[in-house]
Amino acid sequence: MKKNRARIFSSIPPAKNGNQILLLDLHTEGIPHYFEGSLHPVHVYAKPLVEQLAREVAGDSFVLGSTDAGRAKWVASIANDLGVPAAFAYKRRLGPAETEVAAVSTSFKGETVVIYDDMIRTGGSLMSAARAYRDSGAGRLVAIATHGVFPGNAFETIQSSGLFDAIACTDSHPNALTFRERGLIVRPVAELFCRYLRGISDQ
């Protein structure tokens, strides 16, 4: 599916100054290699917006946590920028489509934990990590993602779990706007792209 879409975009006739496609916080790093011809993919990072959201929903004192070790580098980088501690959850696979959190890297004494993941889909990994942080002594739990996909009743399931004081994401996926009226905190990504486009026009 990803390759087919990339080929469709790649087939657009080139403009006078060439074609570029802006890609936001890619879940799979290899996606830019799917594009062909003169189309130039640009990976735009939502890091500034994620950091702003974390401050907004959690204040100045919190621990930034990951849902799994696969996002450890991202979480460590964001935590370093924010000047807050980082914590990591470690998963083990129970089956082809089932995992559980086996451990977290830190014990807590009531600290607020902001759990960041690039994408929330069904929320299974997110809720599993949240329970592990809570069992390790965390206080308030907040969830932040770049992409809020929330298929089916996923958002209601996460919200009704009672694990999170707040759930936030960008408007990169249309489903996020659907749940904004039901308590989801949503912030626009337009400025992230505008910064890049302004930079190009200034060159």
N, C-alpha and C. Protein backbone atom coordinates (compact mmCIF):
# COMPACT_ATOMS: atom_id res chain seq x y z
N MET A 1 0.83 -1.19 0.00
CA MET A 1 0.00 0.00 0.00
C MET A 1 0.88 1.26 0.00
N LYS A 2 1.88 1.30 0.91
CA LYS A 2 2.75 2.48 0.98
C LYS A 2 3.51 2.67 -0.33
N LYS A 3 3.99 1.57 -0.93
CA LYS A 3 4.73 1.67 -2.17
C LYS A 3 3.84 2.14 -3.30
N ASN A 4 2.60 1.64 -3.33
CA ASN A 4 1.67 2.05 -4.39
C ASN A 4 1.37 3.55 -4.31
N ARG A 5 1.15 4.04 -3.11
CA ARG A 5 0.87 5.47 -2.94
C ARG A 5 2.08 6.31 -3.34
N ALA A 6 3.25 5.84 -2.96
CA ALA A 6 4.47 6.57 -3.31
C ALA A 6 4.63 6.63 -4.82
N ARG A 7 4.31 5.55 -5.52
CA ARG A 7 4.43 5.53 -6.98
C ARG A 7 3.41 6.46 -7.62
N ILE A 8 2.21 6.55 -7.03
CA ILE A 8 1.19 7.46 -7.57
C ILE A 8 1.68 8.90 -7.48
N PHE A 9 2.20 9.28 -6.30
CA PHE A 9 2.74 10.63 -6.14
C PHE A 9 3.93 10.87 -7.07
N SER A 10 4.73 9.84 -7.25
CA SER A 10 5.92 9.97 -8.10
C SER A 10 5.56 10.17 -9.57
N SER A 11 4.35 9.78 -9.94
CA SER A 11 3.94 9.90 -11.34
C SER A 11 3.42 11.29 -11.69
N ILE A 12 3.28 12.19 -10.70
CA ILE A 12 2.83 13.55 -10.98
C ILE A 12 3.89 14.26 -11.83
N PRO A 13 3.48 14.87 -12.93
CA PRO A 13 4.48 15.57 -13.77
C PRO A 13 5.23 16.62 -12.97
N PRO A 14 6.52 16.74 -13.19
CA PRO A 14 7.33 17.69 -12.40
C PRO A 14 6.99 19.14 -12.69
N ALA A 15 6.97 19.95 -11.66
CA ALA A 15 6.79 21.40 -11.82
C ALA A 15 8.10 22.02 -12.30
N LYS A 16 8.06 23.31 -12.57
CA LYS A 16 9.23 23.99 -13.12
C LYS A 16 10.45 23.85 -12.22
N ASN A 17 10.24 23.98 -10.91
CA ASN A 17 11.35 23.88 -9.96
C ASN A 17 11.42 22.54 -9.26
N GLY A 18 10.76 21.54 -9.82
CA GLY A 18 10.77 20.20 -9.23
C GLY A 18 9.65 19.99 -8.24
N ASN A 19 9.43 18.75 -7.86
CA ASN A 19 8.37 18.39 -6.92
C ASN A 19 8.98 17.92 -5.60
N GLN A 20 8.35 18.32 -4.51
CA GLN A 20 8.72 17.83 -3.19
C GLN A 20 7.46 17.36 -2.47
N ILE A 21 7.61 16.36 -1.63
CA ILE A 21 6.52 15.90 -0.80
C ILE A 21 6.99 15.93 0.66
N LEU A 22 6.19 16.54 1.53
CA LEU A 22 6.54 16.67 2.93
C LEU A 22 5.90 15.54 3.72
N LEU A 23 6.69 14.81 4.47
CA LEU A 23 6.24 13.64 5.23
C LEU A 23 6.47 13.89 6.72
N LEU A 24 5.45 13.68 7.52
CA LEU A 24 5.50 14.04 8.93
C LEU A 24 5.74 12.83 9.83
N ASP A 25 6.78 12.89 10.65
CA ASP A 25 7.08 11.86 11.66
C ASP A 25 6.77 10.45 11.15
N LEU A 26 7.58 9.99 10.24
CA LEU A 26 7.36 8.69 9.62
C LEU A 26 7.48 7.56 10.63
N HIS A 27 6.51 6.65 10.59
CA HIS A 27 6.54 5.47 11.46
C HIS A 27 7.56 4.46 10.95
N THR A 28 7.80 4.46 9.63
CA THR A 28 8.77 3.57 9.01
C THR A 28 9.79 4.41 8.26
N GLU A 29 11.03 4.36 8.67
CA GLU A 29 12.07 5.23 8.13
C GLU A 29 12.35 4.99 6.65
N GLY A 30 12.03 3.79 6.14
CA GLY A 30 12.36 3.48 4.75
C GLY A 30 11.41 4.06 3.73
N ILE A 31 10.31 4.68 4.17
CA ILE A 31 9.29 5.17 3.23
C ILE A 31 9.85 6.14 2.19
N PRO A 32 10.74 7.08 2.52
CA PRO A 32 11.25 7.99 1.48
C PRO A 32 11.87 7.28 0.28
N HIS A 33 12.37 6.06 0.48
CA HIS A 33 13.00 5.33 -0.61
C HIS A 33 11.98 4.76 -1.59
N TYR A 34 10.70 4.81 -1.24
CA TYR A 34 9.66 4.30 -2.14
C TYR A 34 9.38 5.28 -3.29
N PHE A 35 9.73 6.54 -3.10
CA PHE A 35 9.43 7.53 -4.12
C PHE A 35 10.45 7.45 -5.25
N GLU A 36 9.97 7.74 -6.46
CA GLU A 36 10.79 7.54 -7.64
C GLU A 36 10.95 8.82 -8.44
N GLY A 37 11.86 8.79 -9.40
CA GLY A 37 12.02 9.90 -10.33
C GLY A 37 12.51 11.16 -9.65
N SER A 38 11.93 12.30 -10.09
CA SER A 38 12.40 13.60 -9.62
C SER A 38 11.72 14.07 -8.34
N LEU A 39 10.74 13.30 -7.83
CA LEU A 39 10.04 13.70 -6.61
C LEU A 39 10.97 13.58 -5.41
N HIS A 40 11.11 14.68 -4.66
CA HIS A 40 12.04 14.71 -3.53
C HIS A 40 11.26 14.65 -2.21
N PRO A 41 11.36 13.54 -1.45
CA PRO A 41 10.67 13.46 -0.16
C PRO A 41 11.44 14.20 0.93
N VAL A 42 10.72 14.91 1.78
CA VAL A 42 11.32 15.65 2.89
C VAL A 42 10.66 15.20 4.19
N HIS A 43 11.44 14.72 5.13
CA HIS A 43 10.91 14.27 6.42
C HIS A 43 10.83 15.47 7.37
N VAL A 44 9.61 15.87 7.70
CA VAL A 44 9.38 16.98 8.63
C VAL A 44 9.08 16.38 10.00
N TYR A 45 9.74 16.89 11.03
CA TYR A 45 9.58 16.35 12.37
C TYR A 45 8.62 17.21 13.20
N ALA A 46 7.74 16.55 13.93
CA ALA A 46 6.76 17.26 14.77
C ALA A 46 7.30 17.54 16.16
N LYS A 47 8.59 17.37 16.34
CA LYS A 47 9.21 17.53 17.66
C LYS A 47 8.84 18.85 18.35
N PRO A 48 8.92 20.01 17.67
CA PRO A 48 8.56 21.25 18.37
C PRO A 48 7.13 21.27 18.88
N LEU A 49 6.23 20.70 18.10
CA LEU A 49 4.82 20.67 18.51
C LEU A 49 4.60 19.69 19.65
N VAL A 50 5.27 18.54 19.60
CA VAL A 50 5.17 17.55 20.68
C VAL A 50 5.68 18.14 21.99
N GLU A 51 6.80 18.84 21.92
CA GLU A 51 7.37 19.46 23.12
C GLU A 51 6.43 20.53 23.69
N GLN A 52 5.83 21.31 22.81
CA GLN A 52 4.87 22.33 23.25
C GLN A 52 3.66 21.68 23.91
N LEU A 53 3.15 20.61 23.31
CA LEU A 53 2.00 19.90 23.88
C LEU A 53 2.33 19.32 25.25
N ALA A 54 3.52 18.74 25.39
CA ALA A 54 3.91 18.15 26.67
C ALA A 54 3.92 19.20 27.77
N ARG A 55 4.48 20.36 27.50
CA ARG A 55 4.49 21.45 28.49
C ARG A 55 3.06 21.90 28.81
N GLU A 56 2.25 21.96 27.78
CA GLU A 56 0.88 22.44 27.95
C GLU A 56 0.05 21.54 28.85
N VAL A 57 0.17 20.23 28.66
CA VAL A 57 -0.70 19.30 29.40
C VAL A 57 -0.08 18.81 30.70
N ALA A 58 1.25 18.93 30.84
CA ALA A 58 1.90 18.37 32.03
C ALA A 58 2.65 19.38 32.87
N GLY A 59 2.81 20.61 32.40
CA GLY A 59 3.53 21.60 33.18
C GLY A 59 5.03 21.48 33.03
N ASP A 60 5.76 21.90 34.05
CA ASP A 60 7.22 21.94 33.97
C ASP A 60 7.91 20.69 34.51
N SER A 61 7.20 19.93 35.35
CA SER A 61 7.84 18.79 36.01
C SER A 61 7.12 17.49 35.64
N PHE A 62 7.81 16.66 34.87
CA PHE A 62 7.24 15.36 34.49
C PHE A 62 8.37 14.48 33.96
N VAL A 63 8.06 13.22 33.78
CA VAL A 63 8.97 12.26 33.15
C VAL A 63 8.39 11.91 31.79
N LEU A 64 9.22 11.89 30.77
CA LEU A 64 8.75 11.52 29.43
C LEU A 64 9.01 10.04 29.23
N GLY A 65 7.95 9.29 28.95
CA GLY A 65 8.06 7.84 28.83
C GLY A 65 7.78 7.35 27.42
N SER A 66 8.34 6.21 27.09
CA SER A 66 8.09 5.58 25.79
C SER A 66 7.11 4.42 25.97
N THR A 67 6.50 4.00 24.86
CA THR A 67 5.64 2.82 24.91
C THR A 67 6.45 1.55 24.71
N ASP A 68 7.61 1.67 24.10
CA ASP A 68 8.49 0.51 23.91
C ASP A 68 9.90 1.00 23.57
N ALA A 69 10.83 0.09 23.57
CA ALA A 69 12.23 0.45 23.34
C ALA A 69 12.47 0.95 21.92
N GLY A 70 11.56 0.61 20.99
CA GLY A 70 11.72 1.05 19.62
C GLY A 70 11.65 2.56 19.46
N ARG A 71 11.00 3.24 20.40
CA ARG A 71 10.89 4.70 20.35
C ARG A 71 11.83 5.37 21.35
N ALA A 72 12.76 4.62 21.89
CA ALA A 72 13.64 5.14 22.94
C ALA A 72 14.45 6.34 22.48
N LYS A 73 14.99 6.31 21.26
CA LYS A 73 15.82 7.42 20.78
C LYS A 73 15.01 8.70 20.65
N TRP A 74 13.80 8.57 20.11
CA TRP A 74 12.94 9.75 19.97
C TRP A 74 12.62 10.34 21.33
N VAL A 75 12.22 9.47 22.26
CA VAL A 75 11.84 9.94 23.60
C VAL A 75 13.04 10.56 24.30
N ALA A 76 14.20 9.94 24.20
CA ALA A 76 15.40 10.49 24.84
C ALA A 76 15.74 11.86 24.27
N SER A 77 15.60 12.01 22.96
CA SER A 77 15.91 13.29 22.32
C SER A 77 14.94 14.39 22.76
N ILE A 78 13.65 14.08 22.80
CA ILE A 78 12.65 15.06 23.23
C ILE A 78 12.85 15.41 24.70
N ALA A 79 13.08 14.39 25.53
CA ALA A 79 13.30 14.63 26.95
C ALA A 79 14.52 15.52 27.17
N ASN A 80 15.57 15.31 26.40
CA ASN A 80 16.78 16.13 26.51
C ASN A 80 16.47 17.58 26.17
N ASP A 81 15.70 17.82 25.11
CA ASP A 81 15.33 19.18 24.73
C ASP A 81 14.50 19.86 25.82
N LEU A 82 13.62 19.08 26.45
CA LEU A 82 12.74 19.63 27.48
C LEU A 82 13.42 19.75 28.84
N GLY A 83 14.55 19.08 28.99
CA GLY A 83 15.24 19.09 30.28
C GLY A 83 14.53 18.28 31.34
N VAL A 84 13.90 17.17 30.93
CA VAL A 84 13.19 16.31 31.88
C VAL A 84 13.75 14.89 31.78
N PRO A 85 13.54 14.06 32.81
CA PRO A 85 14.02 12.68 32.75
C PRO A 85 13.24 11.87 31.72
N ALA A 86 13.85 10.81 31.23
CA ALA A 86 13.20 9.89 30.30
C ALA A 86 13.06 8.52 30.96
N ALA A 87 12.01 7.80 30.59
CA ALA A 87 11.81 6.44 31.08
C ALA A 87 11.38 5.58 29.89
N PHE A 88 11.67 4.29 29.98
CA PHE A 88 11.41 3.43 28.83
C PHE A 88 10.70 2.15 29.26
N ALA A 89 9.75 1.73 28.42
CA ALA A 89 9.04 0.48 28.65
C ALA A 89 9.64 -0.59 27.74
N TYR A 90 9.70 -1.80 28.22
CA TYR A 90 10.26 -2.90 27.45
C TYR A 90 9.19 -3.96 27.25
N LYS A 91 8.92 -4.28 25.98
CA LYS A 91 7.86 -5.24 25.66
C LYS A 91 8.44 -6.61 25.34
N ARG A 92 7.60 -7.60 25.53
CA ARG A 92 7.94 -8.93 25.04
C ARG A 92 6.77 -9.43 24.22
N ARG A 93 7.07 -10.20 23.19
CA ARG A 93 6.04 -10.67 22.28
C ARG A 93 5.44 -11.97 22.79
N LEU A 94 4.11 -12.01 22.86
CA LEU A 94 3.39 -13.20 23.31
C LEU A 94 2.89 -14.03 22.13
N GLY A 95 2.75 -13.39 20.99
CA GLY A 95 2.26 -14.06 19.79
C GLY A 95 2.46 -13.16 18.60
N PRO A 96 1.98 -13.57 17.43
CA PRO A 96 2.17 -12.78 16.21
C PRO A 96 1.64 -11.35 16.31
N ALA A 97 0.54 -11.17 17.04
CA ALA A 97 -0.06 -9.83 17.13
C ALA A 97 -0.30 -9.39 18.57
N GLU A 98 0.39 -10.02 19.52
CA GLU A 98 0.14 -9.72 20.93
C GLU A 98 1.46 -9.51 21.67
N THR A 99 1.52 -8.40 22.42
CA THR A 99 2.69 -8.11 23.23
C THR A 99 2.25 -7.68 24.62
N GLU A 100 3.21 -7.66 25.54
CA GLU A 100 2.94 -7.10 26.86
C GLU A 100 4.21 -6.41 27.34
N VAL A 101 4.03 -5.41 28.21
CA VAL A 101 5.17 -4.72 28.79
C VAL A 101 5.75 -5.58 29.90
N ALA A 102 7.03 -5.91 29.76
CA ALA A 102 7.67 -6.78 30.75
C ALA A 102 8.29 -5.99 31.88
N ALA A 103 8.72 -4.75 31.60
CA ALA A 103 9.39 -3.96 32.63
C ALA A 103 9.48 -2.50 32.18
N VAL A 104 9.70 -1.61 33.13
CA VAL A 104 10.01 -0.22 32.81
C VAL A 104 11.36 0.11 33.44
N SER A 105 12.01 1.13 32.91
CA SER A 105 13.39 1.41 33.29
C SER A 105 13.53 2.15 34.62
N THR A 106 12.42 2.68 35.14
CA THR A 106 12.50 3.57 36.30
C THR A 106 11.38 3.26 37.28
N SER A 107 11.67 3.39 38.57
CA SER A 107 10.60 3.37 39.58
C SER A 107 10.24 4.82 39.91
N PHE A 108 8.99 5.05 40.25
CA PHE A 108 8.50 6.40 40.44
C PHE A 108 7.98 6.62 41.86
N LYS A 109 7.87 7.89 42.20
CA LYS A 109 7.30 8.27 43.49
C LYS A 109 6.21 9.32 43.26
N GLY A 110 5.26 8.94 42.42
CA GLY A 110 4.12 9.82 42.17
C GLY A 110 4.33 10.85 41.09
N GLU A 111 5.42 10.78 40.33
CA GLU A 111 5.67 11.75 39.28
C GLU A 111 4.66 11.63 38.14
N THR A 112 4.39 12.74 37.48
CA THR A 112 3.59 12.73 36.26
C THR A 112 4.42 12.11 35.15
N VAL A 113 3.82 11.21 34.38
CA VAL A 113 4.51 10.60 33.25
C VAL A 113 3.74 10.94 31.97
N VAL A 114 4.43 11.57 31.04
CA VAL A 114 3.89 11.83 29.71
C VAL A 114 4.39 10.72 28.80
N ILE A 115 3.49 9.89 28.30
CA ILE A 115 3.87 8.78 27.44
C ILE A 115 3.75 9.24 25.98
N TYR A 116 4.87 9.22 25.27
CA TYR A 116 4.86 9.65 23.87
C TYR A 116 5.02 8.45 22.93
N ASP A 117 4.22 8.45 21.87
CA ASP A 117 4.40 7.50 20.78
C ASP A 117 4.12 8.25 19.49
N ASP A 118 4.77 7.86 18.42
CA ASP A 118 4.54 8.59 17.17
C ASP A 118 3.13 8.37 16.64
N MET A 119 2.54 7.21 16.95
CA MET A 119 1.22 6.89 16.42
C MET A 119 0.40 6.11 17.44
N ILE A 120 -0.86 6.51 17.61
CA ILE A 120 -1.80 5.73 18.41
C ILE A 120 -2.83 5.14 17.46
N ARG A 121 -2.91 3.83 17.44
CA ARG A 121 -3.94 3.16 16.64
C ARG A 121 -4.97 2.57 17.61
N THR A 122 -4.88 1.30 17.90
CA THR A 122 -5.87 0.70 18.81
C THR A 122 -5.62 1.11 20.26
N GLY A 123 -4.38 1.49 20.58
CA GLY A 123 -4.05 1.90 21.94
C GLY A 123 -3.61 0.78 22.85
N GLY A 124 -3.49 -0.43 22.32
CA GLY A 124 -3.10 -1.57 23.15
C GLY A 124 -1.74 -1.39 23.79
N SER A 125 -0.74 -1.02 22.99
CA SER A 125 0.61 -0.81 23.52
C SER A 125 0.64 0.37 24.49
N LEU A 126 -0.10 1.40 24.15
CA LEU A 126 -0.15 2.60 24.99
C LEU A 126 -0.71 2.27 26.38
N MET A 127 -1.82 1.56 26.42
CA MET A 127 -2.45 1.24 27.70
C MET A 127 -1.60 0.25 28.50
N SER A 128 -0.97 -0.67 27.80
CA SER A 128 -0.08 -1.63 28.48
C SER A 128 1.08 -0.90 29.14
N ALA A 129 1.68 0.06 28.42
CA ALA A 129 2.77 0.84 28.99
C ALA A 129 2.28 1.68 30.15
N ALA A 130 1.08 2.27 30.02
CA ALA A 130 0.54 3.11 31.09
C ALA A 130 0.34 2.31 32.37
N ARG A 131 -0.17 1.11 32.26
CA ARG A 131 -0.36 0.26 33.45
C ARG A 131 0.98 -0.08 34.09
N ALA A 132 1.99 -0.31 33.24
CA ALA A 132 3.32 -0.64 33.78
C ALA A 132 3.91 0.56 34.52
N TYR A 133 3.76 1.76 33.97
CA TYR A 133 4.26 2.95 34.65
C TYR A 133 3.49 3.18 35.95
N ARG A 134 2.20 2.99 35.91
CA ARG A 134 1.39 3.17 37.12
C ARG A 134 1.80 2.16 38.19
N ASP A 135 2.00 0.91 37.79
CA ASP A 135 2.41 -0.12 38.74
C ASP A 135 3.80 0.16 39.31
N SER A 136 4.59 0.95 38.60
CA SER A 136 5.93 1.31 39.08
C SER A 136 5.93 2.59 39.90
N GLY A 137 4.72 3.12 40.19
CA GLY A 137 4.62 4.25 41.11
C GLY A 137 4.33 5.60 40.49
N ALA A 138 4.04 5.64 39.16
CA ALA A 138 3.75 6.92 38.51
C ALA A 138 2.45 7.51 39.05
N GLY A 139 2.36 8.83 38.98
CA GLY A 139 1.14 9.53 39.38
C GLY A 139 0.25 9.77 38.17
N ARG A 140 0.08 11.04 37.78
CA ARG A 140 -0.72 11.35 36.60
C ARG A 140 -0.09 10.76 35.35
N LEU A 141 -0.94 10.31 34.45
CA LEU A 141 -0.49 9.78 33.16
C LEU A 141 -1.13 10.59 32.04
N VAL A 142 -0.31 10.98 31.09
CA VAL A 142 -0.77 11.74 29.93
C VAL A 142 -0.24 11.04 28.69
N ALA A 143 -1.05 10.96 27.64
CA ALA A 143 -0.63 10.34 26.38
C ALA A 143 -0.55 11.39 25.30
N ILE A 144 0.58 11.39 24.56
CA ILE A 144 0.76 12.30 23.43
C ILE A 144 1.27 11.50 22.24
N ALA A 145 0.69 11.77 21.07
CA ALA A 145 1.15 11.14 19.83
C ALA A 145 1.17 12.17 18.72
N THR A 146 2.01 11.93 17.73
CA THR A 146 1.95 12.76 16.54
C THR A 146 0.70 12.42 15.74
N HIS A 147 0.51 11.14 15.44
CA HIS A 147 -0.60 10.71 14.60
C HIS A 147 -1.66 9.98 15.45
N GLY A 148 -2.83 10.57 15.55
CA GLY A 148 -3.95 9.92 16.26
C GLY A 148 -4.86 9.26 15.26
N VAL A 149 -4.68 7.96 15.03
CA VAL A 149 -5.46 7.24 14.01
C VAL A 149 -6.81 6.80 14.58
N PHE A 150 -6.81 6.16 15.74
CA PHE A 150 -8.02 5.79 16.48
C PHE A 150 -9.09 5.13 15.60
N PRO A 151 -8.81 3.96 15.02
CA PRO A 151 -9.84 3.29 14.22
C PRO A 151 -10.97 2.75 15.10
N GLY A 152 -12.16 2.65 14.53
CA GLY A 152 -13.29 2.08 15.25
C GLY A 152 -13.57 2.78 16.57
N ASN A 153 -13.65 2.01 17.64
CA ASN A 153 -13.92 2.58 18.98
C ASN A 153 -12.64 2.70 19.81
N ALA A 154 -11.49 2.81 19.15
CA ALA A 154 -10.21 2.84 19.86
C ALA A 154 -10.13 4.01 20.84
N PHE A 155 -10.55 5.19 20.42
CA PHE A 155 -10.44 6.34 21.32
C PHE A 155 -11.30 6.15 22.55
N GLU A 156 -12.53 5.67 22.35
CA GLU A 156 -13.41 5.43 23.50
C GLU A 156 -12.82 4.40 24.46
N THR A 157 -12.18 3.37 23.90
CA THR A 157 -11.56 2.34 24.73
C THR A 157 -10.43 2.92 25.57
N ILE A 158 -9.59 3.74 24.95
CA ILE A 158 -8.48 4.35 25.68
C ILE A 158 -9.01 5.31 26.74
N GLN A 159 -9.97 6.12 26.35
CA GLN A 159 -10.52 7.12 27.27
C GLN A 159 -11.22 6.46 28.46
N SER A 160 -11.98 5.41 28.17
CA SER A 160 -12.74 4.75 29.24
C SER A 160 -11.88 3.87 30.14
N SER A 161 -10.62 3.66 29.75
CA SER A 161 -9.72 2.86 30.60
C SER A 161 -9.45 3.57 31.93
N GLY A 162 -9.63 4.90 31.94
CA GLY A 162 -9.37 5.66 33.16
C GLY A 162 -7.91 5.84 33.48
N LEU A 163 -7.03 5.49 32.56
CA LEU A 163 -5.60 5.56 32.82
C LEU A 163 -5.03 6.97 32.64
N PHE A 164 -5.66 7.76 31.77
CA PHE A 164 -5.04 9.01 31.35
C PHE A 164 -5.82 10.24 31.80
N ASP A 165 -5.09 11.22 32.31
CA ASP A 165 -5.69 12.51 32.62
C ASP A 165 -5.94 13.31 31.36
N ALA A 166 -5.14 13.08 30.33
CA ALA A 166 -5.30 13.78 29.06
C ALA A 166 -4.71 12.94 27.94
N ILE A 167 -5.31 13.08 26.76
CA ILE A 167 -4.81 12.42 25.55
C ILE A 167 -4.71 13.51 24.50
N ALA A 168 -3.56 13.61 23.84
CA ALA A 168 -3.34 14.70 22.89
C ALA A 168 -2.61 14.19 21.65
N CYS A 169 -2.86 14.85 20.52
CA CYS A 169 -2.18 14.52 19.28
C CYS A 169 -2.29 15.69 18.32
N THR A 170 -1.71 15.55 17.15
CA THR A 170 -1.85 16.57 16.12
C THR A 170 -3.06 16.23 15.24
N ASP A 171 -3.33 17.13 14.28
CA ASP A 171 -4.43 16.88 13.35
C ASP A 171 -3.95 16.23 12.06
N SER A 172 -2.83 15.50 12.13
CA SER A 172 -2.28 14.86 10.93
C SER A 172 -3.19 13.79 10.35
N HIS A 173 -4.06 13.22 11.17
CA HIS A 173 -5.03 12.22 10.70
C HIS A 173 -6.44 12.77 10.92
N PRO A 174 -7.34 12.64 9.94
CA PRO A 174 -8.68 13.22 10.08
C PRO A 174 -9.48 12.69 11.26
N ASN A 175 -9.19 11.46 11.72
CA ASN A 175 -9.93 10.91 12.86
C ASN A 175 -9.74 11.75 14.11
N ALA A 176 -8.60 12.39 14.23
CA ALA A 176 -8.32 13.20 15.42
C ALA A 176 -9.36 14.30 15.58
N LEU A 177 -9.74 14.92 14.49
CA LEU A 177 -10.73 16.00 14.55
C LEU A 177 -12.10 15.47 14.97
N THR A 178 -12.38 14.22 14.63
CA THR A 178 -13.65 13.60 15.00
C THR A 178 -13.82 13.52 16.51
N PHE A 179 -12.70 13.29 17.21
CA PHE A 179 -12.77 13.07 18.66
C PHE A 179 -12.42 14.30 19.48
N ARG A 180 -12.19 15.41 18.80
CA ARG A 180 -11.85 16.64 19.53
C ARG A 180 -12.96 17.07 20.46
N GLU A 181 -14.20 16.88 20.03
CA GLU A 181 -15.34 17.27 20.86
C GLU A 181 -15.59 16.30 22.01
N ARG A 182 -14.87 15.19 22.02
CA ARG A 182 -15.06 14.18 23.08
C ARG A 182 -13.89 14.17 24.07
N GLY A 183 -13.07 15.22 24.02
CA GLY A 183 -12.02 15.33 25.03
C GLY A 183 -10.61 15.18 24.51
N LEU A 184 -10.45 14.82 23.25
CA LEU A 184 -9.10 14.70 22.69
C LEU A 184 -8.52 16.10 22.44
N ILE A 185 -7.31 16.33 22.92
CA ILE A 185 -6.62 17.60 22.68
C ILE A 185 -5.92 17.50 21.33
N VAL A 186 -6.24 18.41 20.42
CA VAL A 186 -5.71 18.35 19.05
C VAL A 186 -5.04 19.67 18.70
N ARG A 187 -3.84 19.60 18.13
CA ARG A 187 -3.13 20.78 17.71
C ARG A 187 -2.76 20.66 16.23
N PRO A 188 -2.87 21.76 15.46
CA PRO A 188 -2.61 21.70 14.01
C PRO A 188 -1.13 21.59 13.68
N VAL A 189 -0.86 20.93 12.56
CA VAL A 189 0.53 20.74 12.12
C VAL A 189 0.92 21.76 11.04
N ALA A 190 -0.01 22.61 10.63
CA ALA A 190 0.24 23.51 9.50
C ALA A 190 1.51 24.33 9.70
N GLU A 191 1.73 24.83 10.91
CA GLU A 191 2.89 25.68 11.15
C GLU A 191 4.21 24.94 10.92
N LEU A 192 4.22 23.64 11.18
CA LEU A 192 5.44 22.86 10.95
C LEU A 192 5.82 22.88 9.47
N PHE A 193 4.81 22.74 8.61
CA PHE A 193 5.07 22.77 7.18
C PHE A 193 5.38 24.19 6.71
N CYS A 194 4.69 25.16 7.31
CA CYS A 194 4.93 26.56 6.93
C CYS A 194 6.38 26.97 7.23
N ARG A 195 6.91 26.49 8.36
CA ARG A 195 8.30 26.82 8.70
C ARG A 195 9.24 26.33 7.62
N TYR A 196 8.99 25.10 7.16
CA TYR A 196 9.84 24.56 6.11
C TYR A 196 9.68 25.34 4.81
N LEU A 197 8.44 25.64 4.43
CA LEU A 197 8.17 26.33 3.17
C LEU A 197 8.71 27.76 3.21
N ARG A 198 8.62 28.41 4.38
CA ARG A 198 9.19 29.75 4.48
C ARG A 198 10.70 29.70 4.33
N GLY A 199 11.30 28.66 4.90
CA GLY A 199 12.75 28.50 4.78
C GLY A 199 13.18 28.32 3.34
N ILE A 200 12.38 27.58 2.56
CA ILE A 200 12.69 27.38 1.15
C ILE A 200 12.57 28.70 0.38
N SER A 201 11.51 29.46 0.68
CA SER A 201 11.28 30.71 -0.05
C SER A 201 12.33 31.77 0.28
N ASP A 202 12.96 31.63 1.46
CA ASP A 202 13.98 32.61 1.87
C ASP A 202 15.35 32.33 1.28
N GLN A 203 15.48 31.14 0.68
CA GLN A 203 16.81 30.75 0.16
C GLN A 203 17.10 31.45 -1.18
